[in-house]
């Protein structure tokens, strides 16, 4: 990523998921804030869920069989004009979402 000068973007929901996992494992507020600071260093941009994103979410959720969380991630990525959306969900790989050029699995060999 660094060699190609890629930008890592994510939906705000991803931060929430990281925080939920930390709290589930008994982390305190200080530990969660440390995780947040580390994420903010790694991530170039956090995409918010806006009214525009909500419309994309509705279109995605209404036309594909995906969970609410996946639809939020996809809608945020589409609103940002994402070149490559990486996912662990094999059911999303190859789906066509306007605003996202490619959806690939985390195990893909992308050079």
N, C-alpha and C. Protein backbone atom coordinates (compact mmCIF):
# COMPACT_ATOMS: atom_id res chain seq x y z
N UNK A 1 0.81 -1.19 0.00
CA UNK A 1 0.00 0.00 0.00
C UNK A 1 0.85 1.26 0.00
N UNK A 2 1.85 1.28 0.87
CA UNK A 2 2.69 2.47 0.97
C UNK A 2 3.49 2.68 -0.30
N UNK A 3 4.00 1.61 -0.89
CA UNK A 3 4.78 1.73 -2.12
C UNK A 3 3.94 2.29 -3.27
N UNK A 4 2.66 1.91 -3.32
CA UNK A 4 1.77 2.38 -4.38
C UNK A 4 1.11 3.71 -4.04
N UNK A 5 1.33 4.18 -2.83
CA UNK A 5 0.72 5.42 -2.36
C UNK A 5 -0.81 5.29 -2.28
N UNK A 6 -1.28 4.08 -1.93
CA UNK A 6 -2.71 3.85 -1.78
C UNK A 6 -3.24 4.59 -0.56
N UNK A 7 -4.53 4.86 -0.58
CA UNK A 7 -5.21 5.46 0.56
C UNK A 7 -6.18 4.43 1.13
N UNK A 8 -6.09 4.18 2.41
CA UNK A 8 -7.00 3.26 3.08
C UNK A 8 -8.16 4.06 3.64
N UNK A 9 -9.36 3.76 3.15
CA UNK A 9 -10.55 4.43 3.68
C UNK A 9 -11.46 3.37 4.27
N UNK A 10 -12.30 3.78 5.18
CA UNK A 10 -13.25 2.86 5.79
C UNK A 10 -14.47 3.63 6.26
N UNK A 11 -15.54 2.91 6.46
CA UNK A 11 -16.75 3.52 7.01
C UNK A 11 -16.58 3.70 8.51
N UNK A 12 -17.23 4.70 9.07
CA UNK A 12 -17.19 4.92 10.51
C UNK A 12 -17.66 3.67 11.25
N UNK A 13 -18.54 2.90 10.61
CA UNK A 13 -19.03 1.66 11.21
C UNK A 13 -17.88 0.71 11.57
N UNK A 14 -16.83 0.68 10.76
CA UNK A 14 -15.70 -0.22 11.04
C UNK A 14 -15.04 0.15 12.37
N UNK A 15 -14.91 1.45 12.63
CA UNK A 15 -14.36 1.87 13.93
C UNK A 15 -15.25 1.35 15.06
N UNK A 16 -16.56 1.51 14.89
CA UNK A 16 -17.50 1.02 15.90
C UNK A 16 -17.39 -0.46 16.14
N UNK A 17 -17.17 -1.22 15.08
CA UNK A 17 -17.01 -2.67 15.23
C UNK A 17 -15.74 -3.01 16.01
N UNK A 18 -14.66 -2.29 15.74
CA UNK A 18 -13.42 -2.50 16.49
C UNK A 18 -13.65 -2.17 17.97
N UNK A 19 -14.33 -1.06 18.23
CA UNK A 19 -14.59 -0.67 19.61
C UNK A 19 -15.49 -1.69 20.31
N UNK A 20 -16.51 -2.18 19.61
CA UNK A 20 -17.41 -3.18 20.20
C UNK A 20 -16.64 -4.43 20.60
N UNK A 21 -15.72 -4.87 19.74
CA UNK A 21 -14.91 -6.04 20.07
C UNK A 21 -14.04 -5.79 21.28
N UNK A 22 -13.47 -4.61 21.37
CA UNK A 22 -12.62 -4.27 22.52
C UNK A 22 -13.44 -4.26 23.81
N UNK A 23 -14.61 -3.63 23.77
CA UNK A 23 -15.46 -3.60 24.96
C UNK A 23 -15.92 -5.00 25.34
N UNK A 24 -16.22 -5.83 24.34
CA UNK A 24 -16.65 -7.21 24.59
C UNK A 24 -15.57 -7.98 25.34
N UNK A 25 -14.31 -7.66 25.04
CA UNK A 25 -13.19 -8.33 25.70
C UNK A 25 -12.79 -7.64 27.01
N UNK A 26 -13.59 -6.67 27.44
CA UNK A 26 -13.36 -6.04 28.73
C UNK A 26 -12.45 -4.82 28.71
N UNK A 27 -12.19 -4.25 27.56
CA UNK A 27 -11.33 -3.07 27.49
C UNK A 27 -12.00 -1.88 28.17
N UNK A 28 -11.17 -1.02 28.74
CA UNK A 28 -11.69 0.21 29.34
C UNK A 28 -11.63 1.34 28.31
N UNK A 29 -12.15 2.50 28.70
CA UNK A 29 -12.21 3.65 27.79
C UNK A 29 -10.81 4.05 27.31
N UNK A 30 -9.83 3.97 28.17
CA UNK A 30 -8.45 4.35 27.80
C UNK A 30 -7.93 3.43 26.68
N UNK A 31 -8.17 2.16 26.81
CA UNK A 31 -7.71 1.19 25.79
C UNK A 31 -8.42 1.43 24.46
N UNK A 32 -9.71 1.73 24.51
CA UNK A 32 -10.47 2.00 23.29
C UNK A 32 -9.94 3.27 22.62
N UNK A 33 -9.62 4.28 23.41
CA UNK A 33 -9.07 5.52 22.85
C UNK A 33 -7.71 5.27 22.20
N UNK A 34 -6.92 4.38 22.79
CA UNK A 34 -5.63 4.02 22.18
C UNK A 34 -5.86 3.33 20.84
N UNK A 35 -6.82 2.42 20.78
CA UNK A 35 -7.15 1.74 19.53
C UNK A 35 -7.62 2.75 18.49
N UNK A 36 -8.43 3.72 18.91
CA UNK A 36 -8.92 4.75 18.00
C UNK A 36 -7.75 5.55 17.42
N UNK A 37 -6.81 5.92 18.27
CA UNK A 37 -5.65 6.69 17.81
C UNK A 37 -4.83 5.89 16.80
N UNK A 38 -4.67 4.59 17.04
CA UNK A 38 -3.93 3.74 16.11
C UNK A 38 -4.66 3.62 14.77
N UNK A 39 -5.97 3.47 14.82
CA UNK A 39 -6.77 3.40 13.59
C UNK A 39 -6.66 4.70 12.80
N UNK A 40 -6.70 5.82 13.50
CA UNK A 40 -6.63 7.12 12.83
C UNK A 40 -5.28 7.33 12.13
N UNK A 41 -4.24 6.68 12.63
CA UNK A 41 -2.93 6.75 11.97
C UNK A 41 -2.95 5.91 10.68
N UNK A 42 -3.57 4.73 10.74
CA UNK A 42 -3.55 3.79 9.61
C UNK A 42 -4.53 4.18 8.50
N UNK A 43 -5.64 4.77 8.87
CA UNK A 43 -6.72 5.05 7.92
C UNK A 43 -6.60 6.48 7.41
N UNK A 44 -6.65 6.63 6.08
CA UNK A 44 -6.56 7.95 5.46
C UNK A 44 -7.83 8.77 5.61
N UNK A 45 -8.98 8.09 5.55
CA UNK A 45 -10.25 8.81 5.61
C UNK A 45 -11.33 7.89 6.18
N UNK A 46 -12.16 8.45 7.04
CA UNK A 46 -13.30 7.74 7.60
C UNK A 46 -14.55 8.32 6.94
N UNK A 47 -15.29 7.46 6.26
CA UNK A 47 -16.46 7.89 5.51
C UNK A 47 -17.68 7.88 6.43
N UNK A 48 -18.34 9.03 6.59
CA UNK A 48 -19.52 9.07 7.45
C UNK A 48 -20.75 8.54 6.74
N UNK A 49 -21.77 8.20 7.52
CA UNK A 49 -23.05 7.78 6.98
C UNK A 49 -23.93 9.02 6.91
N UNK A 50 -24.13 9.53 5.71
CA UNK A 50 -24.89 10.77 5.49
C UNK A 50 -26.23 10.46 4.83
N UNK A 51 -27.02 11.49 4.57
CA UNK A 51 -28.30 11.26 3.87
C UNK A 51 -28.05 10.74 2.46
N UNK A 52 -26.97 11.19 1.81
CA UNK A 52 -26.61 10.66 0.48
C UNK A 52 -26.24 9.19 0.59
N UNK A 53 -25.47 8.86 1.61
CA UNK A 53 -25.08 7.47 1.83
C UNK A 53 -26.30 6.62 2.15
N UNK A 54 -27.25 7.19 2.87
CA UNK A 54 -28.47 6.46 3.23
C UNK A 54 -29.24 6.05 1.98
N UNK A 55 -29.27 6.92 0.96
CA UNK A 55 -29.94 6.57 -0.28
C UNK A 55 -29.22 5.40 -0.97
N UNK A 56 -27.89 5.47 -1.01
CA UNK A 56 -27.11 4.36 -1.59
C UNK A 56 -27.35 3.08 -0.80
N UNK A 57 -27.37 3.21 0.51
CA UNK A 57 -27.65 2.06 1.37
C UNK A 57 -28.99 1.43 1.00
N UNK A 58 -30.01 2.26 0.87
CA UNK A 58 -31.34 1.75 0.52
C UNK A 58 -31.35 1.02 -0.81
N UNK A 59 -30.64 1.57 -1.78
CA UNK A 59 -30.57 0.92 -3.10
C UNK A 59 -29.86 -0.43 -3.01
N UNK A 60 -28.75 -0.45 -2.28
CA UNK A 60 -27.97 -1.69 -2.15
C UNK A 60 -28.76 -2.73 -1.37
N UNK A 61 -29.29 -2.33 -0.23
CA UNK A 61 -30.02 -3.26 0.63
C UNK A 61 -31.29 -3.75 -0.06
N UNK A 62 -31.90 -2.88 -0.89
CA UNK A 62 -33.12 -3.25 -1.59
C UNK A 62 -32.89 -4.15 -2.79
N UNK A 63 -31.67 -4.17 -3.31
CA UNK A 63 -31.43 -4.96 -4.53
C UNK A 63 -30.53 -6.18 -4.32
N UNK A 64 -29.78 -6.22 -3.24
CA UNK A 64 -28.88 -7.35 -2.99
C UNK A 64 -29.24 -8.02 -1.67
N UNK A 65 -28.91 -9.26 -1.57
CA UNK A 65 -29.11 -9.98 -0.32
C UNK A 65 -27.84 -9.86 0.52
N UNK A 66 -27.73 -8.72 1.20
CA UNK A 66 -26.58 -8.48 2.07
C UNK A 66 -27.10 -7.98 3.41
N UNK A 67 -26.29 -8.16 4.44
CA UNK A 67 -26.67 -7.68 5.77
C UNK A 67 -26.69 -6.16 5.79
N UNK A 68 -27.32 -5.63 6.81
CA UNK A 68 -27.35 -4.17 6.98
C UNK A 68 -25.94 -3.61 7.08
N UNK A 69 -25.10 -4.28 7.88
CA UNK A 69 -23.73 -3.80 8.06
C UNK A 69 -22.96 -3.79 6.74
N UNK A 70 -23.09 -4.86 5.95
CA UNK A 70 -22.39 -4.90 4.66
C UNK A 70 -22.91 -3.81 3.73
N UNK A 71 -24.23 -3.58 3.76
CA UNK A 71 -24.81 -2.54 2.91
C UNK A 71 -24.29 -1.16 3.32
N UNK A 72 -24.11 -0.93 4.61
CA UNK A 72 -23.54 0.35 5.07
C UNK A 72 -22.12 0.50 4.57
N UNK A 73 -21.31 -0.54 4.73
CA UNK A 73 -19.93 -0.49 4.24
C UNK A 73 -19.89 -0.22 2.73
N UNK A 74 -20.70 -0.93 1.98
CA UNK A 74 -20.73 -0.75 0.53
C UNK A 74 -21.20 0.65 0.15
N UNK A 75 -22.22 1.15 0.82
CA UNK A 75 -22.74 2.48 0.52
C UNK A 75 -21.69 3.55 0.81
N UNK A 76 -20.98 3.41 1.91
CA UNK A 76 -19.92 4.38 2.24
C UNK A 76 -18.81 4.31 1.20
N UNK A 77 -18.43 3.10 0.81
CA UNK A 77 -17.38 2.94 -0.20
C UNK A 77 -17.82 3.53 -1.54
N UNK A 78 -19.06 3.29 -1.91
CA UNK A 78 -19.58 3.82 -3.18
C UNK A 78 -19.62 5.35 -3.15
N UNK A 79 -20.02 5.92 -2.02
CA UNK A 79 -20.09 7.39 -1.94
C UNK A 79 -18.71 8.02 -2.03
N UNK A 80 -17.67 7.26 -1.66
CA UNK A 80 -16.29 7.76 -1.73
C UNK A 80 -15.65 7.50 -3.08
N UNK A 81 -16.35 6.77 -3.97
CA UNK A 81 -15.78 6.46 -5.29
C UNK A 81 -14.60 5.52 -5.17
N UNK A 82 -14.78 4.44 -4.45
CA UNK A 82 -13.71 3.49 -4.15
C UNK A 82 -13.27 2.70 -5.37
N UNK A 83 -11.96 2.60 -5.54
CA UNK A 83 -11.41 1.78 -6.62
C UNK A 83 -11.49 0.30 -6.28
N UNK A 84 -11.13 -0.06 -5.04
CA UNK A 84 -11.07 -1.47 -4.64
C UNK A 84 -11.66 -1.63 -3.26
N UNK A 85 -12.68 -2.45 -3.16
CA UNK A 85 -13.33 -2.78 -1.89
C UNK A 85 -12.89 -4.18 -1.53
N UNK A 86 -12.17 -4.32 -0.42
CA UNK A 86 -11.72 -5.64 0.03
C UNK A 86 -12.64 -6.15 1.12
N UNK A 87 -12.99 -7.43 1.03
CA UNK A 87 -13.94 -8.01 1.97
C UNK A 87 -13.59 -9.45 2.29
N UNK A 88 -14.01 -9.89 3.46
CA UNK A 88 -13.89 -11.31 3.80
C UNK A 88 -15.13 -12.09 3.36
N UNK A 89 -16.18 -11.39 2.95
CA UNK A 89 -17.44 -12.00 2.55
C UNK A 89 -17.38 -12.43 1.08
N UNK A 90 -17.22 -13.71 0.86
CA UNK A 90 -17.09 -14.24 -0.50
C UNK A 90 -18.33 -13.98 -1.35
N UNK A 91 -19.49 -13.78 -0.71
CA UNK A 91 -20.73 -13.51 -1.45
C UNK A 91 -20.72 -12.12 -2.10
N UNK A 92 -19.86 -11.22 -1.61
CA UNK A 92 -19.79 -9.88 -2.19
C UNK A 92 -18.82 -9.79 -3.36
N UNK A 93 -17.86 -10.71 -3.42
CA UNK A 93 -16.83 -10.67 -4.46
C UNK A 93 -17.49 -10.72 -5.84
N UNK A 94 -17.12 -9.75 -6.66
CA UNK A 94 -17.64 -9.69 -8.02
C UNK A 94 -18.96 -8.97 -8.19
N UNK A 95 -19.61 -8.59 -7.08
CA UNK A 95 -20.86 -7.84 -7.20
C UNK A 95 -20.58 -6.50 -7.86
N UNK A 96 -21.58 -5.97 -8.56
CA UNK A 96 -21.45 -4.68 -9.23
C UNK A 96 -22.22 -3.65 -8.43
N UNK A 97 -21.47 -2.68 -7.92
CA UNK A 97 -22.05 -1.59 -7.15
C UNK A 97 -21.59 -0.29 -7.79
N UNK A 98 -22.49 0.53 -8.31
CA UNK A 98 -22.07 1.82 -8.88
C UNK A 98 -21.30 2.63 -7.83
N UNK A 99 -20.13 3.13 -8.23
CA UNK A 99 -19.28 3.89 -7.32
C UNK A 99 -18.11 3.08 -6.80
N UNK A 100 -18.15 1.76 -6.99
CA UNK A 100 -17.05 0.87 -6.58
C UNK A 100 -16.56 0.16 -7.82
N UNK A 101 -15.28 0.33 -8.16
CA UNK A 101 -14.77 -0.30 -9.37
C UNK A 101 -14.65 -1.81 -9.24
N UNK A 102 -14.05 -2.30 -8.14
CA UNK A 102 -13.83 -3.74 -7.96
C UNK A 102 -14.13 -4.13 -6.53
N UNK A 103 -14.73 -5.31 -6.38
CA UNK A 103 -14.92 -5.91 -5.05
C UNK A 103 -14.15 -7.23 -5.09
N UNK A 104 -13.19 -7.36 -4.17
CA UNK A 104 -12.34 -8.55 -4.15
C UNK A 104 -12.21 -9.07 -2.73
N UNK A 105 -11.88 -10.35 -2.63
CA UNK A 105 -11.68 -10.97 -1.33
C UNK A 105 -10.35 -10.58 -0.72
N UNK A 106 -10.28 -10.64 0.60
CA UNK A 106 -9.04 -10.31 1.30
C UNK A 106 -7.90 -11.23 0.90
N UNK A 107 -8.25 -12.43 0.45
CA UNK A 107 -7.22 -13.39 0.04
C UNK A 107 -6.78 -13.23 -1.41
N UNK A 108 -7.30 -12.22 -2.10
CA UNK A 108 -6.93 -11.98 -3.50
C UNK A 108 -5.48 -11.56 -3.60
N UNK A 109 -4.85 -11.95 -4.69
CA UNK A 109 -3.47 -11.55 -4.96
C UNK A 109 -3.52 -10.33 -5.87
N UNK A 110 -3.55 -9.16 -5.26
CA UNK A 110 -3.68 -7.91 -6.01
C UNK A 110 -2.35 -7.20 -5.99
N UNK A 111 -1.82 -6.96 -7.17
CA UNK A 111 -0.52 -6.26 -7.24
C UNK A 111 -0.68 -4.90 -7.83
